[in-house]
């Protein structure tokens, strides 16, 4: 077998490394930061433990399948609990609306808002289940290098059921009229990179994952997933180097292959290279111009999912009227969406989200304290600004205090912000994006940036800017897809 370098230690990189090593390759992973996890890193400060990125645990079967592939199960690594209720939504004019993890209670909520909505929810979720099965069990596991991968009749027939040409907003409104039901159902697509009017109806599969699959939490935090994946990698013989910045992919004109990589000034020879770091960074910064998959003009024309302004907050008292996941929809959704996707500017009065893991997990905050993760979606590519960071922090925290009827600001004992410049510095994130490539119709399946370099037959890409797309479960699947593709080429002796 061959010697393979993997760049980065995010979900897709660790997944890819584990599967490659399982199939007998010598795999060495290089991470520029001091700890693994990419966007899912973790840090501790003043007794608080903060997950830095992903906070939603959906599609538990994807994680379970990954562990099963290595003879493990989720419970071998962490305690996974289903949250009840899944989350709450503050609409602004009354108490928060809990979104139940129990379908009967959810139907009661919908029916209380709109007559006949309970029956409509059954129909909506039945359709979403078809999309979920087709999307998650067939299409996301394909390398998406060609349209012909989808040409088989049984696959094409399933593809036609995905409503790729129908807008998500139109699809939801064909079932429901009440604005709050619509907001509940449109919420999961907020981070997919476009307004619900420009996202394919396919992504009602997200509603199925949410309302049927449930929202879960691994005790001690999302970083437990990274620890589990690192453990599996090491058990498979993977070597991981930290504080190891990959500076260049070594190429030679006319060879058709990369020779290796330069790490911290030192050259290393490899048979193949997998870029699990930001695709744009690998493509535009690590490769010479003649070996790049795409031009800078191409990248600039891509629609990116949002970036975000995050605050990690330690509060010196316990808070009331919040649960683990809290969505605040007391502002104009359309205006905020336009500021992200159309106007490309800092929002005036944004929607926001607060995760309070200390409500569920006593280990992430000192006794009697609260751990808050505050997130505001913002446009990628805008100018970062400490002034805007602080303006929005003060604004949304004042709204948070008002909507939950309690004082918070005066009890804050720790505060750290994280936004565009931080994503660029820590992850080489293109335009400071947080969630990868937008899931628009023109950037779905085989229309995404390809997992294989077109000019170097031993350079590959995995992660949120390629197949199958953004999100933790898709990233894990992306790593497996790339590893399987490399193994197929190795078996065919075409590498």
Protein backbone atom coordinates (compact mmCIF):
# COMPACT_ATOMS: atom_id res chain seq x y z
CA UNK A 1 0.00 0.00 0.00
CA UNK A 2 1.01 3.64 -0.15
CA UNK A 3 2.18 6.45 2.11
CA UNK A 4 -0.49 9.16 2.33
CA UNK A 5 -0.45 12.64 3.85
CA UNK A 6 -3.68 14.15 5.19
CA UNK A 7 -3.80 17.89 5.82
CA UNK A 8 -5.93 18.94 8.81
CA UNK A 9 -7.70 17.22 11.71
CA UNK A 10 -11.32 18.23 11.21
CA UNK A 11 -14.08 15.63 10.91
CA UNK A 12 -13.46 14.88 7.24
CA UNK A 13 -9.68 14.58 7.64
CA UNK A 14 -9.90 12.25 10.64
CA UNK A 15 -12.56 10.16 8.92
CA UNK A 16 -10.49 9.86 5.75
CA UNK A 17 -7.32 9.05 7.68
CA UNK A 18 -9.01 6.32 9.69
CA UNK A 19 -10.49 4.58 6.65
CA UNK A 20 -7.25 4.82 4.67
CA UNK A 21 -5.25 3.33 7.52
CA UNK A 22 -7.82 0.57 8.00
CA UNK A 23 -7.20 -0.44 4.39
CA UNK A 24 -3.48 -0.75 4.98
CA UNK A 25 -2.05 2.61 3.97
CA UNK A 26 0.58 4.40 6.02
CA UNK A 27 -1.19 7.62 6.97
CA UNK A 28 0.38 10.73 8.46
CA UNK A 29 -1.79 13.70 9.42
CA UNK A 30 -0.53 17.28 9.72
CA UNK A 31 -2.37 19.87 11.83
CA UNK A 32 -1.33 23.53 11.93
CA UNK A 33 -2.93 24.12 15.34
CA UNK A 34 -1.84 22.67 18.67
CA UNK A 35 -4.97 20.54 19.13
CA UNK A 36 -7.14 18.44 16.81
CA UNK A 37 -10.67 19.12 15.66
CA UNK A 38 -10.58 22.02 13.24
CA UNK A 39 -13.73 24.05 13.85
CA UNK A 40 -14.68 21.57 16.57
CA UNK A 41 -11.80 22.44 18.87
CA UNK A 42 -12.35 23.09 22.57
CA UNK A 43 -10.74 25.37 25.13
CA UNK A 44 -10.93 25.89 28.90
CA UNK A 45 -10.88 29.18 30.76
CA UNK A 46 -11.69 30.04 34.40
CA UNK A 47 -13.33 26.68 34.98
CA UNK A 48 -15.49 26.86 31.83
CA UNK A 49 -15.09 24.38 28.96
CA UNK A 50 -16.14 25.82 25.61
CA UNK A 51 -16.79 23.90 22.40
CA UNK A 52 -15.58 26.33 19.75
CA UNK A 53 -17.80 25.36 16.83
CA UNK A 54 -20.47 22.73 16.12
CA UNK A 55 -23.07 22.44 18.85
CA UNK A 56 -25.92 20.52 17.15
CA UNK A 57 -25.74 16.72 17.12
CA UNK A 58 -28.13 15.47 14.43
CA UNK A 59 -28.17 12.21 12.42
CA UNK A 60 -26.72 10.02 15.21
CA UNK A 61 -26.78 7.02 12.87
CA UNK A 62 -23.96 8.58 10.82
CA UNK A 63 -21.69 8.73 13.88
CA UNK A 64 -22.75 5.24 14.92
CA UNK A 65 -21.97 3.86 11.46
CA UNK A 66 -18.51 5.41 11.56
CA UNK A 67 -17.77 3.79 14.92
CA UNK A 68 -19.27 0.47 13.76
CA UNK A 69 -16.93 0.44 10.77
CA UNK A 70 -14.06 0.15 13.27
CA UNK A 71 -15.70 -2.34 15.59
CA UNK A 72 -16.89 0.29 18.04
CA UNK A 73 -20.13 1.91 19.13
CA UNK A 74 -21.01 5.41 20.31
CA UNK A 75 -21.22 4.35 23.96
CA UNK A 76 -17.59 3.20 23.83
CA UNK A 77 -16.61 6.87 23.71
CA UNK A 78 -19.26 9.05 25.33
CA UNK A 79 -22.72 9.20 26.81
CA UNK A 80 -25.18 10.43 24.19
CA UNK A 81 -28.46 11.92 25.43
CA UNK A 82 -31.48 13.00 23.43
CA UNK A 83 -32.52 16.52 24.40
CA UNK A 84 -36.12 17.05 25.50
CA UNK A 85 -37.36 19.41 24.25
CA UNK A 86 -35.05 19.60 21.26
CA UNK A 87 -34.82 23.40 21.40
CA UNK A 88 -36.91 26.46 22.11
CA UNK A 89 -37.80 29.45 19.96
CA UNK A 90 -38.32 32.96 21.30
CA UNK A 91 -40.60 34.82 18.90
CA UNK A 92 -40.55 37.94 21.03
CA UNK A 93 -44.09 38.59 22.17
CA UNK A 94 -44.65 35.75 24.62
CA UNK A 95 -42.92 32.88 26.37
CA UNK A 96 -40.57 30.70 24.36
CA UNK A 97 -42.13 27.96 22.26
CA UNK A 98 -40.53 24.57 23.00
CA UNK A 99 -40.05 22.31 19.99
CA UNK A 100 -40.77 18.89 21.43
CA UNK A 101 -38.76 15.78 20.69
CA UNK A 102 -42.05 13.85 20.73
CA UNK A 103 -43.96 13.85 17.47
CA UNK A 104 -47.42 13.81 19.10
CA UNK A 105 -46.61 16.93 21.10
CA UNK A 106 -45.15 18.58 18.03
CA UNK A 107 -48.35 17.89 16.12
CA UNK A 108 -50.35 19.43 18.95
CA UNK A 109 -48.20 22.56 18.71
CA UNK A 110 -48.70 22.82 14.95
CA UNK A 111 -52.44 22.22 15.29
CA UNK A 112 -52.71 24.96 17.94
CA UNK A 113 -51.22 27.40 15.42
CA UNK A 114 -53.08 26.26 12.31
CA UNK A 115 -56.15 24.07 11.92
CA UNK A 116 -55.27 20.87 10.05
CA UNK A 117 -51.52 21.37 10.49
CA UNK A 118 -51.09 18.12 12.44
CA UNK A 119 -52.24 16.05 9.48
CA UNK A 120 -50.18 18.20 7.15
CA UNK A 121 -47.11 17.60 9.29
CA UNK A 122 -47.55 13.85 8.80
CA UNK A 123 -47.61 14.37 5.03
CA UNK A 124 -44.67 16.79 5.10
CA UNK A 125 -42.52 14.40 7.14
CA UNK A 126 -43.48 11.40 5.00
CA UNK A 127 -42.16 13.29 1.97
CA UNK A 128 -39.10 14.41 3.95
CA UNK A 129 -38.42 10.79 4.90
CA UNK A 130 -38.17 9.86 1.20
CA UNK A 131 -35.74 12.70 0.63
CA UNK A 132 -33.75 11.70 3.71
CA UNK A 133 -33.48 8.08 2.59
CA UNK A 134 -32.48 9.00 -0.95
CA UNK A 135 -30.17 11.83 0.07
CA UNK A 136 -28.40 10.25 3.03
CA UNK A 137 -28.38 6.59 2.00
CA UNK A 138 -27.65 6.91 -1.73
CA UNK A 139 -26.40 10.20 -3.07
CA UNK A 140 -24.08 11.53 -0.35
CA UNK A 141 -21.93 8.41 -0.58
CA UNK A 142 -21.01 9.03 -4.22
CA UNK A 143 -17.77 10.81 -5.23
CA UNK A 144 -19.88 13.06 -7.51
CA UNK A 145 -17.19 13.30 -10.17
CA UNK A 146 -19.68 12.88 -13.00
CA UNK A 147 -23.40 13.14 -13.71
CA UNK A 148 -23.23 9.56 -14.97
CA UNK A 149 -22.90 8.32 -11.38
CA UNK A 150 -26.60 9.13 -11.10
CA UNK A 151 -27.62 7.61 -14.45
CA UNK A 152 -28.80 4.18 -13.24
CA UNK A 153 -32.57 3.99 -13.38
CA UNK A 154 -33.18 3.25 -9.69
CA UNK A 155 -30.85 6.10 -8.75
CA UNK A 156 -32.25 8.50 -11.33
CA UNK A 157 -35.79 7.69 -10.21
CA UNK A 158 -34.85 8.51 -6.63
CA UNK A 159 -33.08 11.64 -7.83
CA UNK A 160 -36.29 12.86 -9.45
CA UNK A 161 -38.12 12.58 -6.11
CA UNK A 162 -35.72 15.02 -4.47
CA UNK A 163 -37.44 18.17 -5.78
CA UNK A 164 -34.15 19.78 -6.76
CA UNK A 165 -35.90 22.31 -8.98
CA UNK A 166 -38.46 23.38 -6.38
CA UNK A 167 -37.63 26.06 -3.81
CA UNK A 168 -37.62 25.04 -0.16
CA UNK A 169 -39.78 28.05 0.77
CA UNK A 170 -42.42 27.11 -1.82
CA UNK A 171 -42.33 23.49 -0.68
CA UNK A 172 -42.98 24.40 2.99
CA UNK A 173 -45.76 26.81 2.04
CA UNK A 174 -47.51 24.13 0.02
CA UNK A 175 -48.20 22.43 3.37
CA UNK A 176 -48.48 25.27 5.90
CA UNK A 177 -49.58 28.91 6.10
CA UNK A 178 -48.88 29.99 9.68
CA UNK A 179 -45.71 32.14 9.83
CA UNK A 180 -44.42 30.48 13.01
CA UNK A 181 -44.70 26.99 11.58
CA UNK A 182 -42.88 28.23 8.50
CA UNK A 183 -40.12 29.75 10.65
CA UNK A 184 -39.72 26.51 12.60
CA UNK A 185 -39.34 24.54 9.38
CA UNK A 186 -37.11 27.07 7.63
CA UNK A 187 -34.71 27.41 10.56
CA UNK A 188 -32.52 24.37 9.69
CA UNK A 189 -31.68 25.74 6.23
CA UNK A 190 -30.52 29.09 7.62
CA UNK A 191 -26.91 27.90 7.56
CA UNK A 192 -26.99 26.18 4.15
CA UNK A 193 -25.85 29.28 2.32
CA UNK A 194 -28.89 30.89 0.75
CA UNK A 195 -32.39 32.06 1.58
CA UNK A 196 -35.14 29.41 1.69
CA UNK A 197 -36.27 30.78 -1.69
CA UNK A 198 -32.96 29.66 -3.23
CA UNK A 199 -32.45 26.33 -1.45
CA UNK A 200 -33.82 23.18 -3.15
CA UNK A 201 -36.81 21.47 -1.51
CA UNK A 202 -34.49 18.46 -1.16
CA UNK A 203 -33.33 19.93 2.13
CA UNK A 204 -36.59 19.16 3.88
CA UNK A 205 -34.48 16.11 4.74
CA UNK A 206 -33.04 18.45 7.40
CA UNK A 207 -36.51 18.72 8.92
CA UNK A 208 -36.70 14.94 9.06
CA UNK A 209 -33.32 14.80 10.80
CA UNK A 210 -34.51 17.48 13.23
CA UNK A 211 -38.09 16.53 14.04
CA UNK A 212 -37.88 12.74 13.69
CA UNK A 213 -34.21 11.94 14.26
CA UNK A 214 -33.95 14.28 17.23
CA UNK A 215 -31.34 16.61 18.72
CA UNK A 216 -28.68 14.93 20.86
CA UNK A 217 -25.81 15.90 23.11
CA UNK A 218 -22.59 14.02 23.94
CA UNK A 219 -21.83 14.57 27.62
CA UNK A 220 -18.68 16.69 28.18
CA UNK A 221 -19.21 18.37 24.83
CA UNK A 222 -18.89 17.99 21.07
CA UNK A 223 -15.12 17.66 21.37
CA UNK A 224 -15.76 14.14 22.66
CA UNK A 225 -16.48 13.19 19.04
CA UNK A 226 -13.07 14.47 17.97
CA UNK A 227 -11.40 12.58 20.82
CA UNK A 228 -13.21 9.42 19.70
CA UNK A 229 -12.10 9.87 16.09
CA UNK A 230 -8.50 10.59 17.08
CA UNK A 231 -8.55 7.43 19.21
CA UNK A 232 -9.80 5.38 16.27
CA UNK A 233 -7.17 6.89 13.99
CA UNK A 234 -4.40 6.04 16.43
CA UNK A 235 -5.72 2.50 16.86
CA UNK A 236 -5.51 2.12 13.08
CA UNK A 237 -1.89 3.26 13.13
CA UNK A 238 -2.35 6.85 11.97
CA UNK A 239 0.36 9.31 13.04
CA UNK A 240 -0.77 12.87 13.85
CA UNK A 241 1.61 15.83 14.02
CA UNK A 242 0.45 19.10 15.65
CA UNK A 243 1.87 22.61 15.17
CA UNK A 244 2.73 21.30 11.71
CA UNK A 245 1.91 23.83 9.00
CA UNK A 246 1.82 22.49 5.46
CA UNK A 247 3.38 25.24 3.36
CA UNK A 248 3.46 23.74 -0.12
CA UNK A 249 2.58 20.70 -2.21
CA UNK A 250 5.72 19.63 -4.08
CA UNK A 251 5.07 19.17 -7.81
CA UNK A 252 7.07 18.59 -10.97
CA UNK A 253 5.99 19.70 -14.41
CA UNK A 254 5.13 16.80 -16.68
CA UNK A 255 4.96 14.13 -13.97
CA UNK A 256 1.23 14.23 -13.41
CA UNK A 257 1.82 13.57 -9.72
CA UNK A 258 2.64 15.48 -6.55
CA UNK A 259 5.91 14.39 -4.96
CA UNK A 260 5.12 15.34 -1.38
CA UNK A 261 4.64 18.35 0.89
CA UNK A 262 6.72 20.91 2.75
CA UNK A 263 5.89 21.08 6.46
CA UNK A 264 7.46 23.74 8.68
CA UNK A 265 10.18 24.19 6.07
CA UNK A 266 10.99 20.48 5.70
CA UNK A 267 10.17 18.40 2.60
CA UNK A 268 8.42 15.04 3.03
CA UNK A 269 7.79 12.51 0.24
CA UNK A 270 4.32 10.95 -0.12
CA UNK A 271 2.56 8.74 -2.64
CA UNK A 272 -0.74 10.64 -2.27
CA UNK A 273 -2.01 13.77 -0.54
CA UNK A 274 -5.46 14.51 0.85
CA UNK A 275 -6.34 18.16 1.47
CA UNK A 276 -8.71 18.20 4.41
CA UNK A 277 -7.91 21.81 5.12
CA UNK A 278 -9.88 24.58 3.41
CA UNK A 279 -10.17 23.53 -0.26
CA UNK A 280 -9.56 27.07 -1.56
CA UNK A 281 -6.41 27.36 0.57
CA UNK A 282 -5.00 24.05 -0.66
CA UNK A 283 -5.94 24.82 -4.26
CA UNK A 284 -4.77 28.44 -4.40
CA UNK A 285 -1.99 28.65 -1.79
CA UNK A 286 -0.35 25.23 -1.57
CA UNK A 287 -0.29 24.39 -5.29
CA UNK A 288 1.57 26.18 -8.07
CA UNK A 289 -0.72 27.93 -10.53
CA UNK A 290 -0.36 25.31 -13.27
CA UNK A 291 -1.60 22.54 -10.97
CA UNK A 292 -4.64 24.25 -9.47
CA UNK A 293 -8.08 22.76 -10.00
CA UNK A 294 -9.76 26.14 -10.28
CA UNK A 295 -9.04 29.81 -10.86
CA UNK A 296 -9.47 32.55 -8.27
CA UNK A 297 -12.30 33.86 -10.44
CA UNK A 298 -14.06 30.51 -10.09
CA UNK A 299 -13.73 30.59 -6.33
CA UNK A 300 -14.96 34.17 -6.12
CA UNK A 301 -18.07 33.15 -8.08
CA UNK A 302 -18.98 30.40 -5.59
CA UNK A 303 -21.85 31.01 -3.19
CA UNK A 304 -20.58 30.57 0.35
CA UNK A 305 -22.57 29.58 3.40
CA UNK A 306 -22.51 32.19 6.19
CA UNK A 307 -19.76 33.05 8.53
CA UNK A 308 -20.69 33.87 12.09
CA UNK A 309 -19.90 36.00 15.08
CA UNK A 310 -19.48 33.79 18.13
CA UNK A 311 -19.16 34.77 21.76
CA UNK A 312 -17.98 32.30 24.42
CA UNK A 313 -19.47 33.57 27.67
CA UNK A 314 -19.08 32.52 31.29
CA UNK A 315 -21.87 33.75 33.55
CA UNK A 316 -21.36 33.81 37.32
CA UNK A 317 -24.87 32.63 38.17
CA UNK A 318 -27.49 30.16 36.94
CA UNK A 319 -29.98 31.53 34.42
CA UNK A 320 -33.71 31.05 34.08
CA UNK A 321 -36.01 30.52 31.09
CA UNK A 322 -33.40 28.87 28.88
CA UNK A 323 -32.70 25.29 27.82
CA UNK A 324 -29.76 23.72 25.99
CA UNK A 325 -30.58 25.20 22.54
CA UNK A 326 -32.34 28.56 22.26
CA UNK A 327 -33.28 30.34 19.02
CA UNK A 328 -34.26 34.01 19.04
CA UNK A 329 -36.56 34.92 16.16
CA UNK A 330 -37.75 38.25 17.53
CA UNK A 331 -36.26 40.17 14.57
CA UNK A 332 -37.05 40.31 10.85
CA UNK A 333 -35.82 37.03 9.30
CA UNK A 334 -36.04 38.35 5.73
CA UNK A 335 -33.99 41.45 6.49
CA UNK A 336 -31.29 39.48 8.28
CA UNK A 337 -31.15 36.92 5.45
CA UNK A 338 -30.77 39.73 2.90
CA UNK A 339 -27.89 41.21 4.93
CA UNK A 340 -26.14 37.82 4.79
CA UNK A 341 -26.86 36.69 1.24
CA UNK A 342 -27.66 39.80 -0.79
CA UNK A 343 -26.42 43.03 0.79
CA UNK A 344 -23.32 41.39 2.31
CA UNK A 345 -22.99 43.63 5.34
CA UNK A 346 -23.00 43.49 9.12
CA UNK A 347 -26.61 42.99 10.26
CA UNK A 348 -28.51 45.77 11.96
CA UNK A 349 -30.86 43.66 14.09
CA UNK A 350 -30.05 39.96 13.62
CA UNK A 351 -31.62 36.72 14.69
CA UNK A 352 -29.34 34.84 17.05
CA UNK A 353 -28.81 31.53 18.80
CA UNK A 354 -27.65 30.71 22.32
CA UNK A 355 -26.44 27.29 23.38
CA UNK A 356 -26.31 26.71 27.13
CA UNK A 357 -24.66 23.29 27.51
CA UNK A 358 -24.32 23.79 31.26
CA UNK A 359 -28.11 23.32 31.51
CA UNK A 360 -27.51 19.71 30.41
CA UNK A 361 -23.93 19.10 31.46
CA UNK A 362 -22.50 20.07 34.88
CA UNK A 363 -18.92 19.49 33.75
CA UNK A 364 -18.67 22.50 31.41
CA UNK A 365 -19.07 25.29 34.00
CA UNK A 366 -18.18 25.89 37.66
CA UNK A 367 -20.94 25.12 40.15
CA UNK A 368 -23.60 27.81 40.16
CA UNK A 369 -22.44 29.23 36.81
CA UNK A 370 -23.66 29.08 33.22
CA UNK A 371 -21.75 28.39 30.01
CA UNK A 372 -23.14 30.26 26.99
CA UNK A 373 -22.27 29.97 23.30
CA UNK A 374 -23.77 32.94 21.44
CA UNK A 375 -23.88 32.79 17.64
CA UNK A 376 -24.98 35.39 15.08
CA UNK A 377 -24.91 34.41 11.38
CA UNK A 378 -23.11 37.04 9.27
CA UNK A 379 -22.04 37.39 5.65
CA UNK A 380 -18.70 35.88 4.59
CA UNK A 381 -16.14 38.16 3.02
CA UNK A 382 -17.07 41.36 4.83
CA UNK A 383 -14.58 43.47 6.75
CA UNK A 384 -14.16 42.22 10.31
CA UNK A 385 -14.61 44.89 12.95
CA UNK A 386 -14.18 44.96 16.72
CA UNK A 387 -16.69 47.80 16.79
CA UNK A 388 -19.33 45.70 15.02
CA UNK A 389 -18.56 42.69 17.19
CA UNK A 390 -19.18 44.68 20.35
CA UNK A 391 -22.20 46.54 18.96
CA UNK A 392 -23.94 43.28 18.14
CA UNK A 393 -22.95 41.70 21.42
CA UNK A 394 -24.50 44.51 23.44
CA UNK A 395 -27.60 44.56 21.27
CA UNK A 396 -28.40 40.85 21.36
CA UNK A 397 -27.54 40.49 25.04
CA UNK A 398 -29.96 43.31 25.87
CA UNK A 399 -32.61 41.49 23.85
CA UNK A 400 -31.70 38.23 25.58
CA UNK A 401 -32.16 39.86 28.97
CA UNK A 402 -35.51 41.33 27.97
CA UNK A 403 -36.86 38.15 26.38
CA UNK A 404 -35.85 35.95 29.32
CA UNK A 405 -36.64 38.58 31.96
CA UNK A 406 -33.34 38.50 33.85
CA UNK A 407 -30.04 40.33 34.21
CA UNK A 408 -27.06 38.70 32.51
CA UNK A 409 -24.53 41.32 31.37
CA UNK A 410 -23.53 42.39 34.87
CA UNK A 411 -22.87 38.76 35.84
CA UNK A 412 -20.49 37.91 32.97
CA UNK A 413 -17.13 36.71 34.30
CA UNK A 414 -15.59 35.60 31.00
CA UNK A 415 -16.10 36.74 27.39
CA UNK A 416 -14.28 35.95 24.14
CA UNK A 417 -15.37 36.78 20.60
CA UNK A 418 -14.62 34.84 17.42
CA UNK A 419 -15.43 35.95 13.86
CA UNK A 420 -14.15 36.25 10.30
CA UNK A 421 -10.51 37.12 11.01
CA UNK A 422 -10.29 34.24 13.48
CA UNK A 423 -11.69 31.74 10.95
CA UNK A 424 -9.11 32.94 8.43
CA UNK A 425 -6.21 32.83 10.91
CA UNK A 426 -7.03 29.44 12.46
CA UNK A 427 -8.49 27.54 9.49
CA UNK A 428 -7.43 29.48 6.37
CA UNK A 429 -11.19 29.76 5.79
CA UNK A 430 -12.04 31.26 2.42
CA UNK A 431 -13.68 34.66 2.98
CA UNK A 432 -13.84 33.77 6.65
CA UNK A 433 -16.64 31.28 6.03
CA UNK A 434 -17.81 29.12 8.90
CA UNK A 435 -19.99 26.53 7.16
CA UNK A 436 -18.45 25.91 3.75
CA UNK A 437 -20.10 26.03 0.35
CA UNK A 438 -23.76 26.99 0.02
CA UNK A 439 -26.11 24.14 -0.88
CA UNK A 440 -27.74 25.85 -3.83
CA UNK A 441 -28.94 23.92 -6.89
CA UNK A 442 -25.89 25.01 -8.92
CA UNK A 443 -23.60 23.69 -6.16
CA UNK A 444 -25.23 20.33 -5.46
CA UNK A 445 -23.75 16.84 -6.03
CA UNK A 446 -21.51 16.72 -9.16
CA UNK A 447 -21.63 20.54 -9.42
CA UNK A 448 -19.48 20.97 -6.30
CA UNK A 449 -15.69 21.34 -6.45
CA UNK A 450 -14.30 17.90 -7.26
CA UNK A 451 -12.66 15.56 -4.76
CA UNK A 452 -9.78 14.85 -7.16
CA UNK A 453 -7.22 17.18 -8.68
CA UNK A 454 -7.62 17.26 -12.46
CA UNK A 455 -3.90 17.72 -13.15
CA UNK A 456 -2.29 15.67 -10.38
CA UNK A 457 -3.71 12.17 -10.13
CA UNK A 458 -2.59 11.65 -6.52
CA UNK A 459 -4.01 14.82 -4.91
CA UNK A 460 -7.49 14.73 -3.37
CA UNK A 461 -9.81 16.97 -1.36
CA UNK A 462 -12.27 16.34 1.44
CA UNK A 463 -14.42 18.54 3.66
CA UNK A 464 -17.17 21.13 3.61
CA UNK A 465 -16.19 22.75 0.28
CA UNK A 466 -16.60 19.51 -1.65
CA UNK A 467 -18.86 16.43 -1.70
CA UNK A 468 -21.30 16.03 0.00
CA UNK A 469 -21.28 19.47 1.67
CA UNK A 470 -21.34 21.34 4.99
CA UNK A 471 -22.27 19.91 8.38
CA UNK A 472 -20.70 17.39 10.74
CA UNK A 473 -22.35 14.20 9.41
CA UNK A 474 -21.62 15.16 5.76
CA UNK A 475 -17.99 15.88 6.72
CA UNK A 476 -17.60 12.40 8.23
CA UNK A 477 -19.15 10.92 5.08
CA UNK A 478 -16.89 13.08 2.89
CA UNK A 479 -13.81 11.52 4.47
CA UNK A 480 -15.12 8.03 3.85
CA UNK A 481 -16.04 8.80 0.22
CA UNK A 482 -12.55 10.09 -0.53
CA UNK A 483 -10.84 7.17 1.23
CA UNK A 484 -12.97 4.67 -0.71
CA UNK A 485 -12.18 6.44 -3.97
CA UNK A 486 -8.42 6.37 -3.27
CA UNK A 487 -8.63 2.68 -2.36
CA UNK A 488 -10.51 1.99 -5.60
CA UNK A 489 -7.77 3.71 -7.61
CA UNK A 490 -5.10 1.85 -5.67
CA UNK A 491 -6.77 -1.48 -6.34
CA UNK A 492 -7.04 -0.62 -10.04
CA UNK A 493 -3.36 0.49 -9.98
CA UNK A 494 -4.28 3.86 -11.51
CA UNK A 495 -2.53 5.94 -8.86
